[in-house]
């Protein structure tokens, strides 16, 4: 019996071999014999994809075409440093406009979390959300921690003193908080 290999999907074949998606052929007669000739499909795109650059781009005549594919996309994006700058209504405080200035070095920079990290007021909210999520994970199943948090939340004076205390003092542990609760 012949050894049969599992059938491979077309997408996996293309990924392995990087075959062109467009193939142009024509029939030509050479010395009385007809044969097929394949023309390469090359496409050039001229576009200003850099957005609002801090450093001006070279003149159009001095620019060169770049080959961009899936393997070098982030590298090309990092070299172009596409940037956008605009203002949006400040819905966080309801006052004025919020300045947004984003520079992209990879496709990951387009994710909502990375965009939030690059806008100061959103970065603070994202950091607070991350800290609350970590606290929730830490407290899961620890009744003593839940009781301590409830005690702190019910005592405005204690909550105010914790808010005024530097972060490294708060990180010394629950003993410091419990000591303050008895004062």
N, C-alpha and C. Protein backbone atom coordinates (compact mmCIF):
# COMPACT_ATOMS: atom_id res chain seq x y z
N UNK A 1 0.82 -1.18 0.00
CA UNK A 1 0.00 0.00 0.00
C UNK A 1 0.86 1.24 0.00
N UNK A 2 0.42 2.24 -0.71
CA UNK A 2 1.18 3.49 -0.78
C UNK A 2 0.99 4.28 0.52
N UNK A 3 2.06 4.93 0.91
CA UNK A 3 2.02 5.75 2.12
C UNK A 3 1.33 7.07 1.77
N UNK A 4 0.17 7.34 2.38
CA UNK A 4 -0.61 8.52 2.04
C UNK A 4 -0.31 9.64 3.02
N UNK A 5 -0.07 10.79 2.49
CA UNK A 5 0.15 11.98 3.30
C UNK A 5 -1.20 12.67 3.51
N UNK A 6 -1.40 13.27 4.67
CA UNK A 6 -2.66 13.99 4.88
C UNK A 6 -2.75 15.19 3.94
N UNK A 7 -3.96 15.43 3.47
CA UNK A 7 -4.16 16.56 2.56
C UNK A 7 -3.93 17.86 3.30
N UNK A 8 -3.23 18.76 2.65
CA UNK A 8 -2.92 20.05 3.24
C UNK A 8 -3.88 21.10 2.69
N UNK A 9 -4.28 22.03 3.52
CA UNK A 9 -5.22 23.05 3.06
C UNK A 9 -4.50 24.01 2.11
N UNK A 10 -5.28 24.66 1.28
CA UNK A 10 -4.73 25.61 0.32
C UNK A 10 -4.05 26.79 1.01
N UNK A 11 -4.63 27.25 2.13
CA UNK A 11 -4.04 28.38 2.85
C UNK A 11 -2.67 28.02 3.39
N UNK A 12 -2.52 26.81 3.90
CA UNK A 12 -1.23 26.38 4.44
C UNK A 12 -0.20 26.27 3.31
N UNK A 13 -0.65 25.79 2.15
CA UNK A 13 0.25 25.68 1.00
C UNK A 13 0.76 27.06 0.61
N UNK A 14 -0.15 28.05 0.52
CA UNK A 14 0.24 29.41 0.14
C UNK A 14 1.18 30.00 1.18
N UNK A 15 0.88 29.74 2.46
CA UNK A 15 1.73 30.27 3.53
C UNK A 15 3.15 29.70 3.43
N UNK A 16 3.25 28.42 3.05
CA UNK A 16 4.58 27.81 2.92
C UNK A 16 5.32 28.30 1.69
N UNK A 17 4.62 28.45 0.59
CA UNK A 17 5.27 28.73 -0.69
C UNK A 17 5.15 30.17 -1.16
N UNK A 18 4.32 30.96 -0.53
CA UNK A 18 4.14 32.36 -0.91
C UNK A 18 3.87 32.54 -2.40
N UNK A 19 3.00 31.72 -2.91
CA UNK A 19 2.65 31.83 -4.32
C UNK A 19 1.90 33.13 -4.57
N UNK A 20 2.14 33.77 -5.71
CA UNK A 20 1.41 35.00 -5.99
C UNK A 20 -0.07 34.72 -6.17
N UNK A 21 -0.89 35.65 -5.75
CA UNK A 21 -2.33 35.46 -5.86
C UNK A 21 -2.82 35.76 -7.28
N UNK A 22 -2.08 36.59 -8.01
CA UNK A 22 -2.48 36.94 -9.37
C UNK A 22 -1.44 36.37 -10.32
N UNK A 23 -1.90 35.57 -11.27
CA UNK A 23 -1.00 34.99 -12.25
C UNK A 23 -1.52 35.35 -13.63
N UNK A 24 -0.69 36.01 -14.40
CA UNK A 24 -1.07 36.43 -15.74
C UNK A 24 -0.26 35.61 -16.74
N UNK A 25 -0.99 34.90 -17.62
CA UNK A 25 -0.35 34.08 -18.66
C UNK A 25 -0.90 34.46 -20.02
N UNK A 26 -0.09 34.29 -21.00
CA UNK A 26 -0.59 34.43 -22.36
C UNK A 26 0.12 33.42 -23.24
N UNK A 27 -0.54 33.07 -24.34
CA UNK A 27 0.02 32.10 -25.28
C UNK A 27 0.83 32.86 -26.33
N UNK A 28 2.01 32.35 -26.62
CA UNK A 28 2.87 32.97 -27.61
C UNK A 28 3.44 31.87 -28.52
N UNK A 29 3.65 32.22 -29.75
CA UNK A 29 4.22 31.26 -30.68
C UNK A 29 5.68 31.63 -30.89
N UNK A 30 6.56 30.67 -30.57
CA UNK A 30 8.00 30.88 -30.72
C UNK A 30 8.52 29.80 -31.67
N UNK A 31 9.04 30.21 -32.83
CA UNK A 31 9.56 29.30 -33.86
C UNK A 31 8.58 28.18 -34.18
N UNK A 32 7.30 28.55 -34.31
CA UNK A 32 6.30 27.58 -34.71
C UNK A 32 5.72 26.77 -33.56
N UNK A 33 6.29 26.87 -32.39
CA UNK A 33 5.75 26.13 -31.24
C UNK A 33 5.03 27.11 -30.32
N UNK A 34 3.87 26.66 -29.87
CA UNK A 34 3.09 27.51 -28.98
C UNK A 34 3.44 27.18 -27.53
N UNK A 35 3.65 28.21 -26.75
CA UNK A 35 3.92 27.98 -25.32
C UNK A 35 3.31 29.10 -24.49
N UNK A 36 3.14 28.82 -23.20
CA UNK A 36 2.57 29.81 -22.29
C UNK A 36 3.69 30.60 -21.63
N UNK A 37 3.49 31.89 -21.55
CA UNK A 37 4.46 32.77 -20.90
C UNK A 37 3.75 33.44 -19.73
N UNK A 38 4.41 33.39 -18.59
CA UNK A 38 3.85 34.01 -17.39
C UNK A 38 4.47 35.38 -17.19
N UNK A 39 3.61 36.37 -16.99
CA UNK A 39 4.08 37.72 -16.71
C UNK A 39 4.06 37.94 -15.20
N UNK A 40 5.10 38.52 -14.70
CA UNK A 40 5.07 38.81 -13.25
C UNK A 40 4.08 39.92 -12.97
N UNK A 41 3.38 39.81 -11.86
CA UNK A 41 2.43 40.84 -11.45
C UNK A 41 3.09 41.67 -10.35
N UNK A 42 3.43 42.87 -10.70
CA UNK A 42 4.09 43.77 -9.75
C UNK A 42 3.20 45.00 -9.62
N UNK A 43 2.94 45.37 -8.38
CA UNK A 43 2.08 46.52 -8.16
C UNK A 43 2.81 47.50 -7.26
N UNK A 44 2.78 48.75 -7.62
CA UNK A 44 3.37 49.80 -6.79
C UNK A 44 2.26 50.71 -6.29
N UNK A 45 2.30 51.02 -5.02
CA UNK A 45 1.30 51.91 -4.44
C UNK A 45 2.02 53.15 -3.94
N UNK A 46 1.53 54.29 -4.37
CA UNK A 46 2.10 55.54 -3.88
C UNK A 46 1.03 56.19 -3.00
N UNK A 47 1.36 56.30 -1.72
CA UNK A 47 0.41 56.88 -0.78
C UNK A 47 1.15 57.49 0.39
N UNK A 48 0.57 58.51 0.96
CA UNK A 48 1.14 59.10 2.17
C UNK A 48 0.50 58.36 3.35
N UNK A 49 1.18 57.32 3.81
CA UNK A 49 0.66 56.52 4.91
C UNK A 49 1.27 56.90 6.24
N UNK A 50 2.11 57.91 6.25
CA UNK A 50 2.81 58.29 7.48
C UNK A 50 1.99 59.25 8.33
N UNK A 51 0.95 59.86 7.78
CA UNK A 51 0.13 60.77 8.57
C UNK A 51 0.84 62.07 8.87
N UNK A 52 0.68 62.55 10.09
CA UNK A 52 1.26 63.84 10.50
C UNK A 52 2.65 63.61 11.07
N UNK A 53 3.62 63.58 10.20
CA UNK A 53 5.02 63.30 10.57
C UNK A 53 5.63 64.45 11.37
N UNK A 54 6.44 64.11 12.36
CA UNK A 54 7.22 65.11 13.08
C UNK A 54 8.40 65.57 12.22
N UNK A 55 9.02 64.61 11.53
CA UNK A 55 10.13 64.90 10.62
C UNK A 55 9.58 64.84 9.19
N UNK A 56 9.85 65.84 8.38
CA UNK A 56 9.30 65.83 7.02
C UNK A 56 9.86 64.68 6.19
N UNK A 57 9.01 64.15 5.33
CA UNK A 57 9.43 63.08 4.43
C UNK A 57 10.24 63.68 3.28
N UNK A 58 11.12 62.87 2.65
CA UNK A 58 11.86 63.38 1.49
C UNK A 58 10.90 63.69 0.34
N UNK A 59 11.38 64.47 -0.61
CA UNK A 59 10.57 64.78 -1.78
C UNK A 59 10.17 63.49 -2.49
N UNK A 60 9.08 63.55 -3.19
CA UNK A 60 8.55 62.37 -3.87
C UNK A 60 9.56 61.77 -4.84
N UNK A 61 10.33 62.58 -5.52
CA UNK A 61 11.32 62.08 -6.48
C UNK A 61 12.45 61.32 -5.80
N UNK A 62 12.69 61.61 -4.53
CA UNK A 62 13.78 60.96 -3.80
C UNK A 62 13.35 59.69 -3.08
N UNK A 63 12.07 59.44 -3.03
CA UNK A 63 11.58 58.25 -2.32
C UNK A 63 11.75 57.02 -3.19
N UNK A 64 11.86 55.88 -2.53
CA UNK A 64 12.00 54.62 -3.28
C UNK A 64 10.88 53.67 -2.85
N UNK A 65 10.58 52.74 -3.73
CA UNK A 65 9.57 51.75 -3.41
C UNK A 65 10.11 50.77 -2.37
N UNK A 66 9.26 50.36 -1.46
CA UNK A 66 9.62 49.39 -0.44
C UNK A 66 8.80 48.13 -0.63
N UNK A 67 9.44 47.00 -0.51
CA UNK A 67 8.70 45.75 -0.58
C UNK A 67 8.14 45.48 0.82
N UNK A 68 6.84 45.32 0.87
CA UNK A 68 6.17 45.09 2.16
C UNK A 68 5.43 43.77 2.07
N UNK A 69 5.71 42.91 3.05
CA UNK A 69 4.99 41.65 3.14
C UNK A 69 4.72 41.35 4.61
N UNK A 70 4.15 40.22 4.88
CA UNK A 70 3.76 39.88 6.24
C UNK A 70 4.97 39.75 7.17
N UNK A 71 6.12 39.40 6.63
CA UNK A 71 7.31 39.19 7.45
C UNK A 71 7.97 40.50 7.88
N UNK A 72 7.86 41.55 7.07
CA UNK A 72 8.55 42.80 7.40
C UNK A 72 7.60 43.97 7.66
N UNK A 73 6.32 43.69 7.85
CA UNK A 73 5.33 44.75 7.99
C UNK A 73 5.63 45.65 9.19
N UNK A 74 5.86 45.05 10.37
CA UNK A 74 6.14 45.85 11.57
C UNK A 74 7.44 46.64 11.43
N UNK A 75 8.44 46.04 10.78
CA UNK A 75 9.71 46.74 10.56
C UNK A 75 9.50 47.97 9.68
N UNK A 76 8.71 47.82 8.62
CA UNK A 76 8.43 48.96 7.73
C UNK A 76 7.62 50.02 8.47
N UNK A 77 6.66 49.58 9.29
CA UNK A 77 5.84 50.54 10.03
C UNK A 77 6.71 51.32 11.02
N UNK A 78 7.64 50.62 11.66
CA UNK A 78 8.53 51.29 12.62
C UNK A 78 9.40 52.34 11.91
N UNK A 79 9.85 52.03 10.70
CA UNK A 79 10.69 53.00 9.98
C UNK A 79 9.88 54.19 9.48
N UNK A 80 8.62 53.98 9.11
CA UNK A 80 7.78 55.08 8.65
C UNK A 80 7.23 55.91 9.80
N UNK A 81 7.04 55.31 10.94
CA UNK A 81 6.46 55.94 12.13
C UNK A 81 5.19 56.72 11.81
N UNK A 82 4.15 56.01 11.37
CA UNK A 82 2.90 56.73 11.10
C UNK A 82 2.39 57.39 12.39
N UNK A 83 1.85 58.58 12.25
CA UNK A 83 1.44 59.36 13.40
C UNK A 83 0.13 60.07 13.10
N UNK A 84 -0.68 60.21 14.12
CA UNK A 84 -1.89 61.00 14.00
C UNK A 84 -2.01 61.88 15.23
N UNK A 85 -2.55 63.06 15.04
CA UNK A 85 -2.76 63.99 16.14
C UNK A 85 -4.10 64.68 15.90
N UNK A 86 -4.96 64.66 16.92
CA UNK A 86 -6.27 65.27 16.79
C UNK A 86 -6.83 65.55 18.18
N UNK A 87 -7.95 66.23 18.23
CA UNK A 87 -8.62 66.52 19.49
C UNK A 87 -10.00 65.88 19.48
N UNK A 88 -10.41 65.42 20.65
CA UNK A 88 -11.73 64.83 20.83
C UNK A 88 -12.38 65.48 22.05
N UNK A 89 -13.69 65.49 22.11
CA UNK A 89 -14.35 66.02 23.31
C UNK A 89 -13.94 65.21 24.54
N UNK A 90 -13.62 65.90 25.63
CA UNK A 90 -13.19 65.24 26.86
C UNK A 90 -14.43 64.75 27.62
N UNK A 91 -14.81 63.51 27.40
CA UNK A 91 -15.97 62.94 28.08
C UNK A 91 -15.62 62.43 29.47
N UNK A 92 -14.34 62.43 29.82
CA UNK A 92 -13.92 61.98 31.16
C UNK A 92 -14.29 63.02 32.20
N UNK A 93 -13.99 64.28 31.92
CA UNK A 93 -14.31 65.36 32.86
C UNK A 93 -15.46 66.22 32.35
N UNK A 94 -15.77 66.13 31.06
CA UNK A 94 -16.82 66.94 30.48
C UNK A 94 -16.37 68.36 30.16
N UNK A 95 -15.10 68.64 30.31
CA UNK A 95 -14.59 69.99 30.08
C UNK A 95 -13.57 70.00 28.95
N UNK A 96 -13.79 70.87 27.98
CA UNK A 96 -12.81 71.10 26.93
C UNK A 96 -12.58 69.92 26.00
N UNK A 97 -11.42 69.97 25.38
CA UNK A 97 -11.04 68.95 24.41
C UNK A 97 -9.83 68.18 24.93
N UNK A 98 -9.73 66.95 24.51
CA UNK A 98 -8.62 66.08 24.90
C UNK A 98 -7.70 65.93 23.70
N UNK A 99 -6.42 66.25 23.89
CA UNK A 99 -5.43 66.15 22.81
C UNK A 99 -4.97 64.69 22.69
N UNK A 100 -5.05 64.13 21.50
CA UNK A 100 -4.60 62.78 21.23
C UNK A 100 -3.47 62.85 20.21
N UNK A 101 -2.33 62.26 20.55
CA UNK A 101 -1.17 62.24 19.66
C UNK A 101 -0.60 60.82 19.71
N UNK A 102 -0.80 60.07 18.64
CA UNK A 102 -0.41 58.67 18.60
C UNK A 102 0.61 58.42 17.50
N UNK A 103 1.66 57.68 17.84
CA UNK A 103 2.64 57.22 16.86
C UNK A 103 2.63 55.70 16.90
N UNK A 104 2.63 55.08 15.75
CA UNK A 104 2.52 53.63 15.66
C UNK A 104 3.82 53.02 15.15
N UNK A 105 4.30 51.99 15.86
CA UNK A 105 5.53 51.31 15.45
C UNK A 105 5.25 49.87 15.05
N UNK A 106 4.05 49.36 15.35
CA UNK A 106 3.69 48.00 14.97
C UNK A 106 2.17 47.88 14.93
N UNK A 107 1.68 46.79 14.44
CA UNK A 107 0.23 46.57 14.39
C UNK A 107 -0.35 46.48 15.80
N UNK A 108 0.45 46.02 16.76
CA UNK A 108 -0.02 45.93 18.15
C UNK A 108 -0.37 47.30 18.72
N UNK A 109 0.23 48.35 18.20
CA UNK A 109 -0.04 49.69 18.69
C UNK A 109 -1.46 50.15 18.38
N UNK A 110 -2.17 49.45 17.52
CA UNK A 110 -3.54 49.80 17.19
C UNK A 110 -4.55 49.18 18.16
N UNK A 111 -4.09 48.29 19.05
CA UNK A 111 -5.02 47.66 20.00
C UNK A 111 -5.55 48.70 20.97
N UNK A 112 -6.79 48.54 21.44
CA UNK A 112 -7.37 49.53 22.37
C UNK A 112 -6.51 49.77 23.61
N UNK A 113 -5.92 48.73 24.18
CA UNK A 113 -5.10 48.89 25.38
C UNK A 113 -3.86 49.74 25.09
N UNK A 114 -3.21 49.51 23.95
CA UNK A 114 -2.02 50.31 23.61
C UNK A 114 -2.38 51.75 23.27
N UNK A 115 -3.52 51.97 22.64
CA UNK A 115 -3.96 53.34 22.38
C UNK A 115 -4.21 54.04 23.71
N UNK A 116 -4.88 53.35 24.65
CA UNK A 116 -5.14 53.94 25.96
C UNK A 116 -3.85 54.26 26.71
N UNK A 117 -2.84 53.41 26.58
CA UNK A 117 -1.55 53.66 27.25
C UNK A 117 -0.86 54.91 26.72
N UNK A 118 -1.18 55.31 25.50
CA UNK A 118 -0.52 56.46 24.88
C UNK A 118 -1.29 57.77 25.03
N UNK A 119 -2.44 57.73 25.69
CA UNK A 119 -3.20 58.94 26.00
C UNK A 119 -3.21 59.05 27.52
N UNK A 120 -2.59 60.11 28.05
CA UNK A 120 -2.32 60.21 29.49
C UNK A 120 -3.54 59.92 30.37
N UNK A 121 -4.65 60.60 30.13
CA UNK A 121 -5.81 60.42 31.00
C UNK A 121 -6.39 59.02 30.88
N UNK A 122 -6.33 58.43 29.69
CA UNK A 122 -6.80 57.05 29.53
C UNK A 122 -5.82 56.06 30.16
N UNK A 123 -4.53 56.39 30.13
CA UNK A 123 -3.53 55.51 30.75
C UNK A 123 -3.76 55.42 32.25
N UNK A 124 -4.13 56.54 32.87
CA UNK A 124 -4.42 56.52 34.31
C UNK A 124 -5.62 55.64 34.60
N UNK A 125 -6.66 55.74 33.79
CA UNK A 125 -7.85 54.90 33.98
C UNK A 125 -7.53 53.42 33.75
N UNK A 126 -6.73 53.14 32.74
CA UNK A 126 -6.34 51.76 32.46
C UNK A 126 -5.51 51.19 33.61
N UNK A 127 -4.62 52.01 34.16
CA UNK A 127 -3.80 51.58 35.29
C UNK A 127 -4.69 51.29 36.51
N UNK A 128 -5.64 52.17 36.79
CA UNK A 128 -6.56 51.96 37.91
C UNK A 128 -7.38 50.69 37.70
N UNK A 129 -7.83 50.48 36.48
CA UNK A 129 -8.62 49.27 36.17
C UNK A 129 -7.77 48.01 36.38
N UNK A 130 -6.52 48.06 35.95
CA UNK A 130 -5.62 46.92 36.12
C UNK A 130 -5.38 46.64 37.60
N UNK A 131 -5.17 47.70 38.38
CA UNK A 131 -4.94 47.53 39.81
C UNK A 131 -6.18 46.97 40.51
N UNK A 132 -7.36 47.44 40.13
CA UNK A 132 -8.60 46.90 40.72
C UNK A 132 -8.80 45.44 40.33
N UNK A 133 -8.47 45.11 39.11
CA UNK A 133 -8.58 43.72 38.67
C UNK A 133 -7.60 42.82 39.45
N UNK A 134 -6.38 43.33 39.67
CA UNK A 134 -5.40 42.57 40.45
C UNK A 134 -5.86 42.41 41.89
N UNK A 135 -6.45 43.46 42.46
CA UNK A 135 -6.97 43.39 43.82
C UNK A 135 -8.09 42.37 43.92
N UNK A 136 -8.97 42.37 42.94
CA UNK A 136 -10.07 41.40 42.92
C UNK A 136 -9.53 39.98 42.85
N UNK A 137 -8.50 39.75 42.04
CA UNK A 137 -7.89 38.42 41.95
C UNK A 137 -7.23 38.05 43.26
N UNK A 138 -6.57 39.01 43.91
CA UNK A 138 -5.90 38.75 45.18
C UNK A 138 -6.91 38.41 46.28
N UNK A 139 -8.04 39.12 46.27
CA UNK A 139 -9.03 38.94 47.33
C UNK A 139 -9.89 37.71 47.14
N UNK A 140 -9.89 37.12 46.00
CA UNK A 140 -10.77 35.99 45.71
C UNK A 140 -10.60 34.87 46.73
N UNK A 141 -11.62 34.65 47.53
CA UNK A 141 -11.62 33.56 48.50
C UNK A 141 -10.94 33.89 49.82
N UNK A 142 -10.46 35.11 49.98
CA UNK A 142 -9.79 35.50 51.23
C UNK A 142 -10.74 36.40 52.02
N UNK A 143 -11.43 35.81 52.97
CA UNK A 143 -12.44 36.57 53.71
C UNK A 143 -11.80 37.68 54.53
N UNK A 144 -10.60 37.46 55.07
CA UNK A 144 -9.92 38.50 55.84
C UNK A 144 -9.64 39.73 55.00
N UNK A 145 -9.24 39.54 53.76
CA UNK A 145 -8.96 40.67 52.87
C UNK A 145 -10.25 41.40 52.53
N UNK A 146 -11.32 40.65 52.31
CA UNK A 146 -12.61 41.28 52.00
C UNK A 146 -13.10 42.10 53.18
N UNK A 147 -12.95 41.57 54.40
CA UNK A 147 -13.37 42.31 55.60
C UNK A 147 -12.55 43.58 55.75
N UNK A 148 -11.26 43.51 55.50
CA UNK A 148 -10.38 44.67 55.61
C UNK A 148 -10.78 45.75 54.61
N UNK A 149 -11.05 45.36 53.38
CA UNK A 149 -11.46 46.32 52.35
C UNK A 149 -12.79 46.95 52.74
N UNK A 150 -13.74 46.16 53.21
CA UNK A 150 -15.04 46.69 53.65
C UNK A 150 -14.85 47.68 54.79
N UNK A 151 -13.97 47.38 55.74
CA UNK A 151 -13.70 48.27 56.87
C UNK A 151 -13.12 49.59 56.38
N UNK A 152 -12.20 49.53 55.45
CA UNK A 152 -11.59 50.74 54.91
C UNK A 152 -12.63 51.57 54.16
N UNK A 153 -13.47 50.93 53.36
CA UNK A 153 -14.46 51.65 52.57
C UNK A 153 -15.53 52.30 53.44
N UNK A 154 -15.83 51.71 54.61
CA UNK A 154 -16.87 52.26 55.50
C UNK A 154 -16.33 53.37 56.39
N UNK A 155 -15.02 53.56 56.47
CA UNK A 155 -14.42 54.57 57.34
C UNK A 155 -13.80 55.67 56.48
N UNK A 156 -14.54 56.79 56.27
CA UNK A 156 -14.03 57.86 55.38
C UNK A 156 -12.69 58.44 55.85
N UNK A 157 -12.49 58.55 57.16
CA UNK A 157 -11.24 59.12 57.66
C UNK A 157 -10.06 58.21 57.31
N UNK A 158 -10.25 56.92 57.48
CA UNK A 158 -9.20 55.95 57.15
C UNK A 158 -8.95 55.94 55.64
N UNK A 159 -10.01 55.99 54.87
CA UNK A 159 -9.88 56.01 53.40
C UNK A 159 -9.11 57.26 52.96
N UNK A 160 -9.41 58.40 53.58
CA UNK A 160 -8.71 59.64 53.25
C UNK A 160 -7.24 59.58 53.61
N UNK A 161 -6.92 58.97 54.77
CA UNK A 161 -5.51 58.87 55.15
C UNK A 161 -4.74 57.93 54.24
N UNK A 162 -5.39 56.86 53.78
CA UNK A 162 -4.74 55.95 52.83
C UNK A 162 -4.52 56.62 51.48
N UNK A 163 -5.48 57.44 51.06
CA UNK A 163 -5.36 58.13 49.77
C UNK A 163 -4.24 59.16 49.81
N UNK A 164 -4.01 59.77 50.99
CA UNK A 164 -2.97 60.79 51.12
C UNK A 164 -1.58 60.18 51.29
N UNK A 165 -1.52 58.93 51.69
CA UNK A 165 -0.25 58.25 51.95
C UNK A 165 0.43 57.86 50.64
N UNK A 166 1.76 58.00 50.53
CA UNK A 166 2.46 57.55 49.31
C UNK A 166 2.25 56.05 49.07
N UNK A 167 2.30 55.67 47.80
CA UNK A 167 2.02 54.28 47.40
C UNK A 167 2.96 53.29 48.07
N UNK A 168 4.25 53.64 48.26
CA UNK A 168 5.18 52.67 48.85
C UNK A 168 4.88 52.43 50.32
N UNK A 169 4.26 53.41 51.03
CA UNK A 169 3.84 53.18 52.41
C UNK A 169 2.65 52.23 52.48
N UNK A 170 1.73 52.36 51.53
CA UNK A 170 0.55 51.50 51.50
C UNK A 170 0.95 50.07 51.19
N UNK A 171 2.00 49.90 50.40
CA UNK A 171 2.42 48.56 49.98
C UNK A 171 3.09 47.78 51.09
N UNK A 172 3.25 48.37 52.29
CA UNK A 172 3.92 47.65 53.38
C UNK A 172 3.06 46.52 53.91
N UNK A 173 1.79 46.52 53.57
CA UNK A 173 0.98 45.37 53.92
C UNK A 173 -0.23 45.73 54.75
N UNK A 174 -1.09 44.73 55.02
CA UNK A 174 -2.33 44.96 55.74
C UNK A 174 -2.09 45.35 57.19
N UNK A 175 -0.94 45.02 57.78
CA UNK A 175 -0.68 45.35 59.17
C UNK A 175 -0.71 46.86 59.37
N UNK A 176 -0.19 47.61 58.42
CA UNK A 176 -0.19 49.07 58.53
C UNK A 176 -1.62 49.60 58.48
N UNK A 177 -2.44 49.01 57.61
CA UNK A 177 -3.83 49.45 57.49
C UNK A 177 -4.60 49.10 58.75
N UNK A 178 -4.39 47.88 59.30
CA UNK A 178 -5.08 47.48 60.51
C UNK A 178 -4.66 48.36 61.67
N UNK A 179 -3.38 48.73 61.73
CA UNK A 179 -2.90 49.61 62.80
C UNK A 179 -3.57 50.97 62.73
N UNK A 180 -3.79 51.50 61.51
CA UNK A 180 -4.46 52.77 61.35
C UNK A 180 -5.93 52.67 61.71
N UNK A 181 -6.53 51.52 61.49
CA UNK A 181 -7.96 51.34 61.74
C UNK A 181 -8.26 51.42 63.22
N UNK A 182 -7.30 51.12 64.09
CA UNK A 182 -7.54 51.13 65.53
C UNK A 182 -7.27 52.48 66.13
N UNK A 183 -6.70 53.42 65.40
CA UNK A 183 -6.36 54.74 65.94
C UNK A 183 -7.59 55.59 66.12
